[in-house]
Amino acid sequence: MAPIAGGYLRHLKSQDVQPGDSFLTRRGEPAPPVASTRVMRDDFGTPALVIATLEGGREVKIAHGSVIRVRTDRPEERRAVPDTTFSPVDAGSPEERIVAVGKRHLEDTELTATAARLSHGLNLRSGSQLEDLFGMAERLYLLHEDTEGTLAALGLLTNLPWDGAVGRWKSIQAGLALASQILRDEGEHIVAANLGKRLHEADEVPSEPGRAARVLEVRQRQLNEPQLYDREISRALQARDAEAEYRWRRARFAQLLYLRGRGGSETLTDADLDSRIARELGTLRGLARDLDAKTAARS
């Protein structure tokens, strides 16, 4: 970005403002430089306000996470160009499928770079690599609306069993729930239901009757009163933080898909979940497009 009046004109999140930066007034004129900043938290311990003290003593309060224009001597950091070079792969190997998925949208650098990294050697016992694999599938589904590519990626996850490793199961569970939803939408109700049944694999119940009853009671309560991140999403909306909103809505969407795959609960029927999933999907896809466009503009 070209320097303006001895500095750079940038859009920064409030928490990224540093001493020496100058806010711009509505007329575009710079305010006195920032001398110091501090963060105030709300009653729940979450950052709520950034208080900037300007030279001269004036205090300016800005919502944490909001974006403001400043003049600064700090140029915008250039992002490193990700490696999108695929490794040679063996026919019929998981890596071959990863490469095929990565090549479906070569214009998507993030997707291609992740596929290129996994093509060097996919370890299906690595929790972090399973998380990357699900991230590719989710990006294909939300941003590109590519259900064929999504199912191709998820196929590497949905065949993996529950082995007691909660970290690994988190990605497998998310993959089963998303694959079940896609297949249900495509009319493959039997296959979708079978994938949904696999979500019960981690429901280990103790053999002792009294303890088993307590475990089942807690589990049912979690299904009836699921965490849907309403407060977190509301806070992100108030702060106009699209990235945080997208992150929390993805978590909500995953929870809704999990509940739908299991067959609902005592408080949320299949019809309720279908309606919520459809609304959330529309919002998520809009956010995904907006954030991708902003990322491309910064590149």
C-alpha atoms as a PDB file:
ATOM      1  CA  MET A   1       0.000   0.000   0.000  1.00  0.00           C
ATOM      2  CA  ALA A   2       1.451   3.375  -0.982  1.00  0.00           C
ATOM      3  CA  PRO A   3       2.630   5.708   1.808  1.00  0.00           C
ATOM      4  CA  ILE A   4       0.378   8.703   2.534  1.00  0.00           C
ATOM      5  CA  ALA A   5       1.621  11.895   4.184  1.00  0.00           C
ATOM      6  CA  GLY A   6       4.724  10.304   5.632  1.00  0.00           C
ATOM      7  CA  GLY A   7       2.970   7.060   6.666  1.00  0.00           C
ATOM      8  CA  TYR A   8       0.578   4.361   5.552  1.00  0.00           C
ATOM      9  CA  LEU A   9      -3.213   4.434   5.505  1.00  0.00           C
ATOM     10  CA  ARG A  10      -4.393   1.109   6.908  1.00  0.00           C
ATOM     11  CA  HIS A  11      -7.467  -0.580   8.324  1.00  0.00           C
ATOM     12  CA  LEU A  12      -6.604  -2.191  11.662  1.00  0.00           C
ATOM     13  CA  LYS A  13      -8.539  -4.083  14.276  1.00  0.00           C
ATOM     14  CA  SER A  14      -8.737  -2.011  17.444  1.00  0.00           C
ATOM     15  CA  GLN A  15      -6.543  -4.439  19.412  1.00  0.00           C
ATOM     16  CA  ASP A  16      -3.775  -4.079  16.794  1.00  0.00           C
ATOM     17  CA  VAL A  17      -3.417  -0.309  17.241  1.00  0.00           C
ATOM     18  CA  GLN A  18      -0.003   0.663  18.624  1.00  0.00           C
ATOM     19  CA  PRO A  19       1.550   3.839  20.056  1.00  0.00           C
ATOM     20  CA  GLY A  20       2.386   6.273  17.259  1.00  0.00           C
ATOM     21  CA  ASP A  21      -0.660   5.347  15.148  1.00  0.00           C
ATOM     22  CA  SER A  22      -3.132   8.159  14.390  1.00  0.00           C
ATOM     23  CA  PHE A  23      -6.880   7.655  14.073  1.00  0.00           C
ATOM     24  CA  LEU A  24      -8.639   9.355  11.188  1.00  0.00           C
ATOM     25  CA  THR A  25     -11.586  11.611  11.878  1.00  0.00           C
ATOM     26  CA  ARG A  26     -14.763  11.460   9.788  1.00  0.00           C
ATOM     27  CA  ARG A  27     -13.266  14.238   7.666  1.00  0.00           C
ATOM     28  CA  GLY A  28     -10.194  12.104   7.042  1.00  0.00           C
ATOM     29  CA  GLU A  29      -7.899  14.219   9.200  1.00  0.00           C
ATOM     30  CA  PRO A  30      -5.454  12.508  11.594  1.00  0.00           C
ATOM     31  CA  ALA A  31      -6.044  12.789  15.331  1.00  0.00           C
ATOM     32  CA  PRO A  32      -3.092  13.181  17.741  1.00  0.00           C
ATOM     33  CA  PRO A  33      -0.913  10.029  17.834  1.00  0.00           C
ATOM     34  CA  VAL A  34      -1.774   7.225  20.232  1.00  0.00           C
ATOM     35  CA  ALA A  35       0.406   7.278  23.347  1.00  0.00           C
ATOM     36  CA  SER A  36      -0.768   4.013  24.921  1.00  0.00           C
ATOM     37  CA  THR A  37      -3.551   1.412  24.817  1.00  0.00           C
ATOM     38  CA  ARG A  38      -5.192  -0.906  27.301  1.00  0.00           C
ATOM     39  CA  VAL A  39      -7.946  -3.512  27.100  1.00  0.00           C
ATOM     40  CA  MET A  40     -11.072  -3.625  29.297  1.00  0.00           C
ATOM     41  CA  ARG A  41     -12.865  -6.941  29.733  1.00  0.00           C
ATOM     42  CA  ASP A  42     -16.562  -7.571  30.296  1.00  0.00           C
ATOM     43  CA  ASP A  43     -18.025  -9.361  33.324  1.00  0.00           C
ATOM     44  CA  PHE A  44     -17.290 -12.733  31.717  1.00  0.00           C
ATOM     45  CA  GLY A  45     -13.594 -11.990  31.188  1.00  0.00           C
ATOM     46  CA  THR A  46     -13.863 -11.466  27.436  1.00  0.00           C
ATOM     47  CA  PRO A  47     -12.079  -8.452  25.865  1.00  0.00           C
ATOM     48  CA  ALA A  48     -14.762  -5.790  25.278  1.00  0.00           C
ATOM     49  CA  LEU A  49     -13.124  -2.378  24.794  1.00  0.00           C
ATOM     50  CA  VAL A  50      -9.784  -1.024  23.670  1.00  0.00           C
ATOM     51  CA  ILE A  51      -9.030   2.296  25.364  1.00  0.00           C
ATOM     52  CA  ALA A  52      -6.439   4.354  23.517  1.00  0.00           C
ATOM     53  CA  THR A  53      -4.872   7.347  25.272  1.00  0.00           C
ATOM     54  CA  LEU A  54      -3.805   9.995  22.745  1.00  0.00           C
ATOM     55  CA  GLU A  55      -0.945  12.410  23.141  1.00  0.00           C
ATOM     56  CA  GLY A  56      -2.451  15.248  25.138  1.00  0.00           C
ATOM     57  CA  GLY A  57      -4.398  12.901  27.420  1.00  0.00           C
ATOM     58  CA  ARG A  58      -7.660  12.334  25.525  1.00  0.00           C
ATOM     59  CA  GLU A  59      -9.056   8.794  25.777  1.00  0.00           C
ATOM     60  CA  VAL A  60     -10.785   7.053  22.879  1.00  0.00           C
ATOM     61  CA  LYS A  61     -12.899   3.912  23.458  1.00  0.00           C
ATOM     62  CA  ILE A  62     -13.208   1.399  20.612  1.00  0.00           C
ATOM     63  CA  ALA A  63     -15.076  -1.933  20.606  1.00  0.00           C
ATOM     64  CA  HIS A  64     -12.665  -4.860  20.723  1.00  0.00           C
ATOM     65  CA  GLY A  65     -12.479  -6.452  17.272  1.00  0.00           C
ATOM     66  CA  SER A  66     -13.878  -3.467  15.357  1.00  0.00           C
ATOM     67  CA  VAL A  67     -11.951  -2.189  12.335  1.00  0.00           C
ATOM     68  CA  ILE A  68     -10.824   1.438  12.130  1.00  0.00           C
ATOM     69  CA  ARG A  69      -8.728   3.565   9.770  1.00  0.00           C
ATOM     70  CA  VAL A  70      -5.365   4.801  10.990  1.00  0.00           C
ATOM     71  CA  ARG A  71      -2.257   6.462   9.668  1.00  0.00           C
ATOM     72  CA  THR A  72       0.807   4.532  10.731  1.00  0.00           C
ATOM     73  CA  ASP A  73       4.493   4.179   9.961  1.00  0.00           C
ATOM     74  CA  ARG A  74       4.062   0.402   9.908  1.00  0.00           C
ATOM     75  CA  PRO A  75       3.554  -0.978   6.388  1.00  0.00           C
ATOM     76  CA  GLU A  76       1.221  -3.914   5.935  1.00  0.00           C
ATOM     77  CA  GLU A  77       3.113  -7.173   6.257  1.00  0.00           C
ATOM     78  CA  ARG A  78       3.384  -9.115   3.032  1.00  0.00           C
ATOM     79  CA  ARG A  79       2.000 -12.603   3.301  1.00  0.00           C
ATOM     80  CA  ALA A  80       4.290 -15.487   2.474  1.00  0.00           C
ATOM     81  CA  VAL A  81       3.381 -17.237  -0.757  1.00  0.00           C
ATOM     82  CA  PRO A  82       2.190 -20.757   0.205  1.00  0.00           C
ATOM     83  CA  ASP A  83       3.728 -23.804  -1.443  1.00  0.00           C
ATOM     84  CA  THR A  84       1.227 -25.372  -3.842  1.00  0.00           C
ATOM     85  CA  THR A  85       3.562 -28.004  -5.315  1.00  0.00           C
ATOM     86  CA  PHE A  86       2.116 -31.508  -5.193  1.00  0.00           C
ATOM     87  CA  SER A  87       4.336 -34.500  -4.467  1.00  0.00           C
ATOM     88  CA  PRO A  88       4.335 -37.543  -6.777  1.00  0.00           C
ATOM     89  CA  VAL A  89       1.777 -40.027  -5.415  1.00  0.00           C
ATOM     90  CA  ASP A  90       1.049 -43.723  -5.854  1.00  0.00           C
ATOM     91  CA  ALA A  91      -2.043 -44.800  -7.775  1.00  0.00           C
ATOM     92  CA  GLY A  92      -4.897 -45.717  -5.466  1.00  0.00           C
ATOM     93  CA  SER A  93      -3.284 -44.114  -2.418  1.00  0.00           C
ATOM     94  CA  PRO A  94      -4.988 -41.640  -0.057  1.00  0.00           C
ATOM     95  CA  GLU A  95      -2.483 -39.058  -1.271  1.00  0.00           C
ATOM     96  CA  GLU A  96      -3.714 -39.528  -4.849  1.00  0.00           C
ATOM     97  CA  ARG A  97      -7.234 -38.652  -3.734  1.00  0.00           C
ATOM     98  CA  ILE A  98      -5.945 -35.607  -1.859  1.00  0.00           C
ATOM     99  CA  VAL A  99      -4.160 -34.348  -4.977  1.00  0.00           C
ATOM    100  CA  ALA A 100      -7.283 -34.888  -7.096  1.00  0.00           C
ATOM    101  CA  VAL A 101      -9.351 -32.909  -4.598  1.00  0.00           C
ATOM    102  CA  GLY A 102      -6.740 -30.138  -4.429  1.00  0.00           C
ATOM    103  CA  LYS A 103      -6.739 -29.761  -8.201  1.00  0.00           C
ATOM    104  CA  ARG A 104     -10.506 -29.223  -8.396  1.00  0.00           C
ATOM    105  CA  HIS A 105     -10.123 -25.507  -7.578  1.00  0.00           C
ATOM    106  CA  LEU A 106      -6.597 -24.425  -8.433  1.00  0.00           C
ATOM    107  CA  GLU A 107      -7.612 -20.777  -8.055  1.00  0.00           C
ATOM    108  CA  ASP A 108      -8.124 -21.419  -4.322  1.00  0.00           C
ATOM    109  CA  THR A 109      -4.596 -21.068  -2.966  1.00  0.00           C
ATOM    110  CA  GLU A 110      -5.511 -22.046   0.597  1.00  0.00           C
ATOM    111  CA  LEU A 111      -7.197 -25.259  -0.504  1.00  0.00           C
ATOM    112  CA  THR A 112      -4.425 -26.149  -2.943  1.00  0.00           C
ATOM    113  CA  ALA A 113      -1.662 -25.426  -0.426  1.00  0.00           C
ATOM    114  CA  THR A 114      -3.295 -27.700   2.172  1.00  0.00           C
ATOM    115  CA  ALA A 115      -3.666 -30.492  -0.392  1.00  0.00           C
ATOM    116  CA  ALA A 116      -0.045 -30.020  -1.491  1.00  0.00           C
ATOM    117  CA  ARG A 117       1.168 -30.307   2.108  1.00  0.00           C
ATOM    118  CA  LEU A 118      -0.860 -33.469   2.740  1.00  0.00           C
ATOM    119  CA  SER A 119       0.307 -34.980  -0.563  1.00  0.00           C
ATOM    120  CA  HIS A 120       3.818 -35.261   0.924  1.00  0.00           C
ATOM    121  CA  GLY A 121       2.462 -38.037   3.156  1.00  0.00           C
ATOM    122  CA  LEU A 122      -0.974 -38.385   4.745  1.00  0.00           C
ATOM    123  CA  ASN A 123      -0.950 -39.873   8.241  1.00  0.00           C
ATOM    124  CA  LEU A 124      -4.516 -40.905   9.070  1.00  0.00           C
ATOM    125  CA  ARG A 125      -3.522 -41.366  12.720  1.00  0.00           C
ATOM    126  CA  SER A 126      -2.508 -37.727  13.043  1.00  0.00           C
ATOM    127  CA  GLY A 127      -5.197 -35.577  14.643  1.00  0.00           C
ATOM    128  CA  SER A 128      -3.839 -32.396  13.061  1.00  0.00           C
ATOM    129  CA  GLN A 129      -3.825 -33.914   9.578  1.00  0.00           C
ATOM    130  CA  LEU A 130      -7.375 -35.180   9.995  1.00  0.00           C
ATOM    131  CA  GLU A 131      -8.329 -31.656  11.014  1.00  0.00           C
ATOM    132  CA  ASP A 132      -6.679 -30.306   7.841  1.00  0.00           C
ATOM    133  CA  LEU A 133      -8.520 -32.920   5.802  1.00  0.00           C
ATOM    134  CA  PHE A 134     -11.884 -31.936   7.246  1.00  0.00           C
ATOM    135  CA  GLY A 135     -10.999 -28.262   6.732  1.00  0.00           C
ATOM    136  CA  MET A 136     -10.534 -28.952   3.017  1.00  0.00           C
ATOM    137  CA  ALA A 137     -13.898 -30.719   2.818  1.00  0.00           C
ATOM    138  CA  GLU A 138     -15.665 -27.942   4.706  1.00  0.00           C
ATOM    139  CA  ARG A 139     -14.103 -25.274   2.460  1.00  0.00           C
ATOM    140  CA  LEU A 140     -15.224 -27.167  -0.647  1.00  0.00           C
ATOM    141  CA  TYR A 141     -18.755 -27.351   0.738  1.00  0.00           C
ATOM    142  CA  LEU A 142     -19.151 -23.826   2.103  1.00  0.00           C
ATOM    143  CA  LEU A 143     -17.122 -21.718  -0.319  1.00  0.00           C
ATOM    144  CA  HIS A 144     -17.262 -23.675  -3.575  1.00  0.00           C
ATOM    145  CA  GLU A 145     -20.561 -25.554  -3.031  1.00  0.00           C
ATOM    146  CA  ASP A 146     -18.743 -28.583  -4.479  1.00  0.00           C
ATOM    147  CA  THR A 147     -20.511 -31.572  -2.936  1.00  0.00           C
ATOM    148  CA  GLU A 148     -18.682 -34.096  -5.148  1.00  0.00           C
ATOM    149  CA  GLY A 149     -15.298 -32.814  -4.029  1.00  0.00           C
ATOM    150  CA  THR A 150     -16.504 -32.597  -0.430  1.00  0.00           C
ATOM    151  CA  LEU A 151     -17.576 -36.254  -0.398  1.00  0.00           C
ATOM    152  CA  ALA A 152     -14.299 -37.288  -2.039  1.00  0.00           C
ATOM    153  CA  ALA A 153     -12.354 -35.653   0.781  1.00  0.00           C
ATOM    154  CA  LEU A 154     -14.714 -36.887   3.497  1.00  0.00           C
ATOM    155  CA  GLY A 155     -14.390 -40.456   2.228  1.00  0.00           C
ATOM    156  CA  LEU A 156     -10.934 -40.567   3.795  1.00  0.00           C
ATOM    157  CA  LEU A 157     -12.453 -39.667   7.179  1.00  0.00           C
ATOM    158  CA  THR A 158     -15.745 -41.528   7.295  1.00  0.00           C
ATOM    159  CA  ASN A 159     -14.129 -44.977   7.028  1.00  0.00           C
ATOM    160  CA  LEU A 160     -12.005 -44.412  10.136  1.00  0.00           C
ATOM    161  CA  PRO A 161     -13.212 -46.089  13.359  1.00  0.00           C
ATOM    162  CA  TRP A 162     -13.601 -44.758  16.886  1.00  0.00           C
ATOM    163  CA  ASP A 163     -10.419 -45.848  18.675  1.00  0.00           C
ATOM    164  CA  GLY A 164     -10.742 -43.895  21.907  1.00  0.00           C
ATOM    165  CA  ALA A 165      -8.680 -40.926  20.672  1.00  0.00           C
ATOM    166  CA  VAL A 166     -10.994 -37.947  21.251  1.00  0.00           C
ATOM    167  CA  GLY A 167      -8.772 -35.548  19.289  1.00  0.00           C
ATOM    168  CA  ARG A 168      -8.907 -37.716  16.165  1.00  0.00           C
ATOM    169  CA  TRP A 169     -12.599 -38.499  16.591  1.00  0.00           C
ATOM    170  CA  LYS A 170     -13.510 -34.808  16.568  1.00  0.00           C
ATOM    171  CA  SER A 171     -12.646 -34.546  12.849  1.00  0.00           C
ATOM    172  CA  ILE A 172     -14.092 -37.977  12.024  1.00  0.00           C
ATOM    173  CA  GLN A 173     -17.338 -37.074  13.789  1.00  0.00           C
ATOM    174  CA  ALA A 174     -17.568 -33.779  11.903  1.00  0.00           C
ATOM    175  CA  GLY A 175     -16.924 -35.632   8.645  1.00  0.00           C
ATOM    176  CA  LEU A 176     -19.628 -38.217   9.349  1.00  0.00           C
ATOM    177  CA  ALA A 177     -22.161 -35.498  10.184  1.00  0.00           C
ATOM    178  CA  LEU A 178     -21.412 -33.443   7.066  1.00  0.00           C
ATOM    179  CA  ALA A 179     -21.376 -36.466   4.748  1.00  0.00           C
ATOM    180  CA  SER A 180     -24.690 -37.627   6.226  1.00  0.00           C
ATOM    181  CA  GLN A 181     -26.229 -34.210   5.557  1.00  0.00           C
ATOM    182  CA  ILE A 182     -25.027 -34.088   1.929  1.00  0.00           C
ATOM    183  CA  LEU A 183     -26.245 -37.610   1.175  1.00  0.00           C
ATOM    184  CA  ARG A 184     -29.604 -36.875   2.796  1.00  0.00           C
ATOM    185  CA  ASP A 185     -29.940 -33.797   0.584  1.00  0.00           C
ATOM    186  CA  GLU A 186     -29.162 -35.986  -2.431  1.00  0.00           C
ATOM    187  CA  GLY A 187     -31.868 -38.502  -1.510  1.00  0.00           C
ATOM    188  CA  GLU A 188     -29.479 -41.214  -0.281  1.00  0.00           C
ATOM    189  CA  HIS A 189     -31.374 -41.621   2.976  1.00  0.00           C
ATOM    190  CA  ILE A 190     -30.230 -45.149   3.854  1.00  0.00           C
ATOM    191  CA  VAL A 191     -26.529 -44.362   3.412  1.00  0.00           C
ATOM    192  CA  ALA A 192     -27.006 -41.086   5.285  1.00  0.00           C
ATOM    193  CA  ALA A 193     -28.700 -42.895   8.171  1.00  0.00           C
ATOM    194  CA  ASN A 194     -25.897 -45.473   8.356  1.00  0.00           C
ATOM    195  CA  LEU A 195     -23.302 -42.699   8.621  1.00  0.00           C
ATOM    196  CA  GLY A 196     -25.436 -41.042  11.283  1.00  0.00           C
ATOM    197  CA  LYS A 197     -25.501 -44.245  13.322  1.00  0.00           C
ATOM    198  CA  ARG A 198     -21.708 -44.195  13.433  1.00  0.00           C
ATOM    199  CA  LEU A 199     -21.902 -40.967  15.454  1.00  0.00           C
ATOM    200  CA  HIS A 200     -22.958 -43.191  18.375  1.00  0.00           C
ATOM    201  CA  GLU A 201     -19.676 -45.139  18.322  1.00  0.00           C
ATOM    202  CA  ALA A 202     -18.085 -42.881  20.928  1.00  0.00           C
ATOM    203  CA  ASP A 203     -21.059 -43.225  23.317  1.00  0.00           C
ATOM    204  CA  GLU A 204     -19.240 -45.401  25.803  1.00  0.00           C
ATOM    205  CA  VAL A 205     -21.393 -46.255  28.830  1.00  0.00           C
ATOM    206  CA  PRO A 206     -19.900 -47.619  32.097  1.00  0.00           C
ATOM    207  CA  SER A 207     -20.918 -51.122  33.093  1.00  0.00           C
ATOM    208  CA  GLU A 208     -21.966 -50.108  36.620  1.00  0.00           C
ATOM    209  CA  PRO A 209     -25.771 -49.490  36.560  1.00  0.00           C
ATOM    210  CA  GLY A 210     -25.780 -46.370  38.773  1.00  0.00           C
ATOM    211  CA  ARG A 211     -22.888 -44.717  36.963  1.00  0.00           C
ATOM    212  CA  ALA A 212     -24.298 -45.685  33.566  1.00  0.00           C
ATOM    213  CA  ALA A 213     -27.606 -43.992  34.404  1.00  0.00           C
ATOM    214  CA  ARG A 214     -25.812 -40.772  35.339  1.00  0.00           C
ATOM    215  CA  VAL A 215     -23.755 -40.810  32.139  1.00  0.00           C
ATOM    216  CA  LEU A 216     -26.865 -41.333  30.006  1.00  0.00           C
ATOM    217  CA  GLU A 217     -28.683 -38.547  31.842  1.00  0.00           C
ATOM    218  CA  VAL A 218     -25.852 -36.079  31.226  1.00  0.00           C
ATOM    219  CA  ARG A 219     -25.588 -37.104  27.580  1.00  0.00           C
ATOM    220  CA  GLN A 220     -29.315 -36.614  27.010  1.00  0.00           C
ATOM    221  CA  ARG A 221     -29.138 -33.192  28.647  1.00  0.00           C
ATOM    222  CA  GLN A 222     -26.309 -32.226  26.271  1.00  0.00           C
ATOM    223  CA  LEU A 223     -28.451 -33.296  23.323  1.00  0.00           C
ATOM    224  CA  ASN A 224     -31.507 -31.435  24.631  1.00  0.00           C
ATOM    225  CA  GLU A 225     -29.587 -28.255  25.482  1.00  0.00           C
ATOM    226  CA  PRO A 226     -26.733 -28.147  22.953  1.00  0.00           C
ATOM    227  CA  GLN A 227     -24.135 -25.402  22.894  1.00  0.00           C
ATOM    228  CA  LEU A 228     -25.057 -23.301  19.857  1.00  0.00           C
ATOM    229  CA  TYR A 229     -22.750 -20.340  20.599  1.00  0.00           C
ATOM    230  CA  ASP A 230     -25.487 -17.690  20.602  1.00  0.00           C
ATOM    231  CA  ARG A 231     -23.574 -15.345  22.903  1.00  0.00           C
ATOM    232  CA  GLU A 232     -20.331 -15.642  20.940  1.00  0.00           C
ATOM    233  CA  ILE A 233     -22.052 -14.982  17.616  1.00  0.00           C
ATOM    234  CA  SER A 234     -23.942 -12.008  19.042  1.00  0.00           C
ATOM    235  CA  ARG A 235     -20.718 -10.511  20.357  1.00  0.00           C
ATOM    236  CA  ALA A 236     -19.011 -10.966  16.970  1.00  0.00           C
ATOM    237  CA  LEU A 237     -21.944  -9.267  15.231  1.00  0.00           C
ATOM    238  CA  GLN A 238     -21.809  -6.325  17.626  1.00  0.00           C
ATOM    239  CA  ALA A 239     -18.071  -5.965  17.028  1.00  0.00           C
ATOM    240  CA  ARG A 240     -18.555  -6.362  13.256  1.00  0.00           C
ATOM    241  CA  ASP A 241     -15.903  -9.063  13.336  1.00  0.00           C
ATOM    242  CA  ALA A 242     -16.785 -11.215  10.333  1.00  0.00           C
ATOM    243  CA  GLU A 243     -13.931 -13.655  10.930  1.00  0.00           C
ATOM    244  CA  ALA A 244     -15.058 -14.378  14.486  1.00  0.00           C
ATOM    245  CA  GLU A 245     -18.674 -14.649  13.370  1.00  0.00           C
ATOM    246  CA  TYR A 246     -17.670 -17.132  10.680  1.00  0.00           C
ATOM    247  CA  ARG A 247     -15.653 -19.184  13.165  1.00  0.00           C
ATOM    248  CA  TRP A 248     -18.475 -19.403  15.717  1.00  0.00           C
ATOM    249  CA  ARG A 249     -21.141 -20.074  13.082  1.00  0.00           C
ATOM    250  CA  ARG A 250     -19.046 -22.958  11.765  1.00  0.00           C
ATOM    251  CA  ALA A 251     -19.024 -24.384  15.291  1.00  0.00           C
ATOM    252  CA  ARG A 252     -22.803 -23.961  15.506  1.00  0.00           C
ATOM    253  CA  PHE A 253     -23.284 -25.557  12.086  1.00  0.00           C
ATOM    254  CA  ALA A 254     -21.156 -28.560  13.092  1.00  0.00           C
ATOM    255  CA  GLN A 255     -23.239 -29.014  16.234  1.00  0.00           C
ATOM    256  CA  LEU A 256     -26.496 -28.849  14.275  1.00  0.00           C
ATOM    257  CA  LEU A 257     -25.209 -31.402  11.753  1.00  0.00           C
ATOM    258  CA  TYR A 258     -24.130 -33.699  14.590  1.00  0.00           C
ATOM    259  CA  LEU A 259     -27.582 -33.531  16.187  1.00  0.00           C
ATOM    260  CA  ARG A 260     -29.313 -34.100  12.839  1.00  0.00           C
ATOM    261  CA  GLY A 261     -27.088 -37.056  12.030  1.00  0.00           C
ATOM    262  CA  ARG A 262     -27.944 -38.658  15.382  1.00  0.00           C
ATOM    263  CA  GLY A 263     -31.652 -38.206  14.721  1.00  0.00           C
ATOM    264  CA  GLY A 264     -32.393 -35.114  16.778  1.00  0.00           C
ATOM    265  CA  SER A 265     -33.153 -34.957  20.487  1.00  0.00           C
ATOM    266  CA  GLU A 266     -36.123 -34.580  22.845  1.00  0.00           C
ATOM    267  CA  THR A 267     -36.214 -30.812  22.251  1.00  0.00           C
ATOM    268  CA  LEU A 268     -35.008 -30.499  18.645  1.00  0.00           C
ATOM    269  CA  THR A 269     -36.840 -32.558  16.042  1.00  0.00           C
ATOM    270  CA  ASP A 270     -35.498 -33.419  12.605  1.00  0.00           C
ATOM    271  CA  ALA A 271     -37.744 -30.717  11.122  1.00  0.00           C
ATOM    272  CA  ASP A 272     -36.407 -28.109  13.576  1.00  0.00           C
ATOM    273  CA  LEU A 273     -32.832 -29.045  12.749  1.00  0.00           C
ATOM    274  CA  ASP A 274     -33.429 -29.062   8.987  1.00  0.00           C
ATOM    275  CA  SER A 275     -34.775 -25.504   9.197  1.00  0.00           C
ATOM    276  CA  ARG A 276     -31.887 -24.285  11.348  1.00  0.00           C
ATOM    277  CA  ILE A 277     -29.290 -26.010   9.173  1.00  0.00           C
ATOM    278  CA  ALA A 278     -30.682 -24.427   6.001  1.00  0.00           C
ATOM    279  CA  ARG A 279     -30.597 -20.921   7.529  1.00  0.00           C
ATOM    280  CA  GLU A 280     -27.112 -21.366   8.948  1.00  0.00           C
ATOM    281  CA  LEU A 281     -25.767 -22.750   5.680  1.00  0.00           C
ATOM    282  CA  GLY A 282     -26.975 -19.725   3.738  1.00  0.00           C
ATOM    283  CA  THR A 283     -25.345 -17.332   6.204  1.00  0.00           C
ATOM    284  CA  LEU A 284     -22.099 -19.296   6.293  1.00  0.00           C
ATOM    285  CA  ARG A 285     -21.761 -19.395   2.529  1.00  0.00           C
ATOM    286  CA  GLY A 286     -22.277 -15.634   2.326  1.00  0.00           C
ATOM    287  CA  LEU A 287     -19.612 -15.067   4.976  1.00  0.00           C
ATOM    288  CA  ALA A 288     -17.234 -17.491   3.268  1.00  0.00           C
ATOM    289  CA  ARG A 289     -17.519 -15.597  -0.019  1.00  0.00           C
ATOM    290  CA  ASP A 290     -17.040 -12.216   1.648  1.00  0.00           C
ATOM    291  CA  LEU A 291     -13.991 -13.312   3.631  1.00  0.00           C
ATOM    292  CA  ASP A 292     -12.445 -14.999   0.609  1.00  0.00           C
ATOM    293  CA  ALA A 293     -12.882 -11.811  -1.420  1.00  0.00           C
ATOM    294  CA  LYS A 294     -11.228  -9.756   1.331  1.00  0.00           C
ATOM    295  CA  THR A 295      -8.321 -12.203   1.491  1.00  0.00           C
ATOM    296  CA  ALA A 296      -7.870 -12.008  -2.278  1.00  0.00           C
ATOM    297  CA  ALA A 297      -7.919  -8.205  -2.152  1.00  0.00           C
ATOM    298  CA  ARG A 298      -5.117  -8.202   0.440  1.00  0.00           C
ATOM    299  CA  SER A 299      -2.944 -10.586  -1.595  1.00  0.00           C
END
